[in-house]
């Protein structure tokens, strides 16, 4: 706000300062737009308004549009099975799996399924890429995979990550349903 005030109160005699503050104003505007976009991607309003399945489908479409990698989502569950915290964590797990596919998998397709199996919620993400190796799965510097596992464990859940050379990678996260906040 100070930059905007300064721009309005500078005179033409201070042309170089005016140019600098206008440049700063543009940078601030760009930063604000970026933060809004990123925060929306972390917890899009769609998650609150329409639920996890719609948010996963939206994220898959965004991924497909940005990467050109086909992404198919199959949903077999009812909403309101998970707490708000669980829903947010699962969406973030899903976002990280897509990031890993885009960065490392060399895949042309991703298949996603959301299921309620007994008293468990299961998210499965499979790609048809190069296949993650055992060394990559256990790499202590694979922070994305570590984050996925930690989020699953924080939900009293489990995460299995497997791959087969030339056949792709599968990440399966399952967590208990109907847990308290």
Protein backbone atom coordinates (compact mmCIF):
# COMPACT_ATOMS: atom_id res chain seq x y z
CA UNK A 1 0.00 0.00 0.00
CA UNK A 2 2.93 2.27 0.69
CA UNK A 3 4.20 1.81 -2.85
CA UNK A 4 0.80 2.73 -4.29
CA UNK A 5 0.64 5.82 -2.05
CA UNK A 6 4.15 6.83 -3.08
CA UNK A 7 3.28 6.52 -6.79
CA UNK A 8 0.31 8.83 -6.38
CA UNK A 9 2.34 11.47 -4.55
CA UNK A 10 5.49 11.57 -6.69
CA UNK A 11 5.85 14.40 -9.14
CA UNK A 12 7.27 14.28 -12.64
CA UNK A 13 10.47 15.85 -11.31
CA UNK A 14 11.34 12.56 -9.65
CA UNK A 15 11.00 10.52 -12.84
CA UNK A 16 13.57 7.85 -11.95
CA UNK A 17 11.96 7.23 -8.55
CA UNK A 18 8.52 7.07 -10.17
CA UNK A 19 9.75 4.47 -12.68
CA UNK A 20 11.25 2.40 -9.88
CA UNK A 21 8.08 2.46 -7.76
CA UNK A 22 5.94 1.58 -10.80
CA UNK A 23 8.22 -1.40 -11.39
CA UNK A 24 7.90 -2.37 -7.72
CA UNK A 25 4.11 -2.00 -7.95
CA UNK A 26 4.05 -4.45 -10.88
CA UNK A 27 6.19 -6.91 -8.95
CA UNK A 28 3.89 -6.69 -5.93
CA UNK A 29 0.82 -7.27 -8.13
CA UNK A 30 2.46 -10.31 -9.72
CA UNK A 31 3.43 -11.68 -6.30
CA UNK A 32 -0.12 -11.26 -4.97
CA UNK A 33 -1.59 -13.07 -7.99
CA UNK A 34 0.95 -15.89 -7.59
CA UNK A 35 0.23 -16.32 -3.88
CA UNK A 36 -3.53 -16.40 -4.56
CA UNK A 37 -3.05 -19.01 -7.27
CA UNK A 38 -0.78 -21.16 -5.10
CA UNK A 39 -3.04 -20.98 -2.07
CA UNK A 40 -5.99 -21.89 -4.28
CA UNK A 41 -4.07 -24.90 -5.56
CA UNK A 42 -3.21 -26.03 -2.03
CA UNK A 43 -6.80 -25.87 -0.85
CA UNK A 44 -9.08 -24.84 -3.69
CA UNK A 45 -12.53 -23.50 -2.80
CA UNK A 46 -13.83 -26.41 -4.83
CA UNK A 47 -12.69 -28.68 -2.00
CA UNK A 48 -14.99 -26.92 0.47
CA UNK A 49 -17.83 -26.37 -1.98
CA UNK A 50 -18.02 -29.68 -3.84
CA UNK A 51 -15.80 -32.10 -1.92
CA UNK A 52 -12.73 -34.23 -2.42
CA UNK A 53 -13.82 -36.10 -5.55
CA UNK A 54 -14.55 -32.87 -7.45
CA UNK A 55 -11.28 -31.32 -6.25
CA UNK A 56 -9.30 -34.39 -7.38
CA UNK A 57 -11.05 -34.33 -10.77
CA UNK A 58 -10.34 -30.60 -11.12
CA UNK A 59 -6.67 -31.09 -10.18
CA UNK A 60 -6.39 -33.94 -12.69
CA UNK A 61 -7.81 -31.73 -15.45
CA UNK A 62 -5.41 -28.93 -14.54
CA UNK A 63 -2.52 -31.40 -14.61
CA UNK A 64 -3.61 -32.75 -17.99
CA UNK A 65 -3.96 -29.23 -19.42
CA UNK A 66 -0.52 -28.15 -18.16
CA UNK A 67 1.47 -31.29 -18.95
CA UNK A 68 -0.34 -32.97 -21.83
CA UNK A 69 -0.30 -36.21 -19.82
CA UNK A 70 -3.70 -37.94 -19.96
CA UNK A 71 -5.24 -38.27 -16.50
CA UNK A 72 -8.28 -40.46 -15.84
CA UNK A 73 -10.10 -40.35 -12.49
CA UNK A 74 -12.53 -43.03 -11.28
CA UNK A 75 -14.48 -42.29 -8.10
CA UNK A 76 -16.28 -44.93 -6.08
CA UNK A 77 -17.08 -43.30 -2.75
CA UNK A 78 -19.51 -41.07 -0.96
CA UNK A 79 -18.56 -37.65 0.34
CA UNK A 80 -18.44 -36.80 4.05
CA UNK A 81 -16.52 -39.97 4.81
CA UNK A 82 -13.42 -38.04 5.84
CA UNK A 83 -12.74 -35.11 8.13
CA UNK A 84 -11.77 -31.72 6.71
CA UNK A 85 -8.13 -32.28 7.72
CA UNK A 86 -8.10 -35.69 6.02
CA UNK A 87 -9.56 -34.24 2.83
CA UNK A 88 -6.93 -31.50 2.70
CA UNK A 89 -4.08 -33.94 3.34
CA UNK A 90 -5.31 -36.36 0.68
CA UNK A 91 -5.59 -33.57 -1.88
CA UNK A 92 -2.02 -32.51 -1.09
CA UNK A 93 -0.82 -36.11 -1.39
CA UNK A 94 -2.50 -36.28 -4.78
CA UNK A 95 -0.91 -32.99 -5.87
CA UNK A 96 2.52 -34.31 -4.91
CA UNK A 97 1.99 -37.54 -6.83
CA UNK A 98 1.14 -35.52 -9.94
CA UNK A 99 4.21 -33.34 -9.42
CA UNK A 100 6.36 -36.48 -9.26
CA UNK A 101 4.78 -37.85 -12.42
CA UNK A 102 5.42 -34.60 -14.29
CA UNK A 103 9.03 -34.34 -13.08
CA UNK A 104 10.27 -37.89 -13.10
CA UNK A 105 7.98 -40.52 -14.61
CA UNK A 106 8.25 -39.85 -18.35
CA UNK A 107 4.64 -41.03 -18.49
CA UNK A 108 1.92 -40.42 -21.05
CA UNK A 109 -0.97 -41.50 -18.83
CA UNK A 110 -2.06 -41.43 -15.18
CA UNK A 111 -4.97 -43.44 -13.76
CA UNK A 112 -6.44 -42.36 -10.45
CA UNK A 113 -9.00 -44.13 -8.30
CA UNK A 114 -10.75 -43.02 -5.12
CA UNK A 115 -12.49 -45.82 -3.24
CA UNK A 116 -14.06 -46.64 0.06
CA UNK A 117 -13.07 -50.23 0.88
CA UNK A 118 -14.66 -51.38 4.10
CA UNK A 119 -13.62 -48.90 6.77
CA UNK A 120 -10.73 -47.53 4.66
CA UNK A 121 -10.39 -44.76 2.10
CA UNK A 122 -8.01 -45.66 -0.73
CA UNK A 123 -6.33 -43.31 -3.20
CA UNK A 124 -4.43 -45.08 -5.97
CA UNK A 125 -2.36 -43.23 -8.56
CA UNK A 126 -0.75 -45.26 -11.37
CA UNK A 127 1.33 -43.94 -14.22
CA UNK A 128 2.67 -45.71 -17.31
CA UNK A 129 6.13 -44.15 -17.08
CA UNK A 130 9.63 -45.49 -16.59
CA UNK A 131 8.87 -46.96 -13.14
CA UNK A 132 10.38 -45.81 -9.87
CA UNK A 133 13.36 -47.81 -8.60
CA UNK A 134 13.77 -49.21 -5.09
CA UNK A 135 16.67 -46.80 -4.54
CA UNK A 136 14.44 -43.86 -5.47
CA UNK A 137 11.68 -45.06 -3.14
CA UNK A 138 14.09 -45.21 -0.20
CA UNK A 139 16.15 -42.12 -1.08
CA UNK A 140 16.39 -39.93 2.06
CA UNK A 141 16.44 -36.83 -0.18
CA UNK A 142 13.19 -37.69 -2.00
CA UNK A 143 11.27 -35.04 -0.07
CA UNK A 144 8.09 -35.37 -2.12
CA UNK A 145 7.82 -39.08 -1.33
CA UNK A 146 8.72 -38.43 2.29
CA UNK A 147 5.95 -35.83 2.46
CA UNK A 148 3.43 -38.27 0.99
CA UNK A 149 4.35 -40.93 3.55
CA UNK A 150 4.30 -38.47 6.45
CA UNK A 151 0.86 -37.13 5.49
CA UNK A 152 -0.50 -40.68 5.25
CA UNK A 153 0.98 -41.60 8.64
CA UNK A 154 -0.42 -38.42 10.20
CA UNK A 155 -3.86 -39.69 9.14
CA UNK A 156 -3.19 -43.09 10.78
CA UNK A 157 -2.87 -44.44 7.27
CA UNK A 158 -0.40 -46.25 5.09
CA UNK A 159 1.39 -45.50 1.85
CA UNK A 160 2.81 -48.05 -0.59
CA UNK A 161 5.04 -46.93 -3.44
CA UNK A 162 6.12 -49.40 -6.09
CA UNK A 163 7.41 -49.39 -9.60
CA UNK A 164 8.46 -51.67 -12.39
CA UNK A 165 10.90 -50.61 -15.09
CA UNK A 166 9.02 -49.69 -18.25
CA UNK A 167 5.62 -50.26 -16.64
CA UNK A 168 5.27 -47.25 -14.38
CA UNK A 169 4.81 -46.38 -10.76
CA UNK A 170 1.90 -46.97 -8.39
CA UNK A 171 1.25 -45.06 -5.20
CA UNK A 172 -1.48 -46.37 -2.92
CA UNK A 173 -2.56 -44.42 0.15
CA UNK A 174 -5.18 -45.82 2.49
CA UNK A 175 -6.53 -44.19 5.61
CA UNK A 176 -9.29 -45.01 8.07
CA UNK A 177 -12.72 -43.52 7.36
CA UNK A 178 -14.82 -41.42 9.74
CA UNK A 179 -12.07 -40.37 12.10
CA UNK A 180 -12.58 -37.44 14.45
CA UNK A 181 -10.93 -34.10 13.60
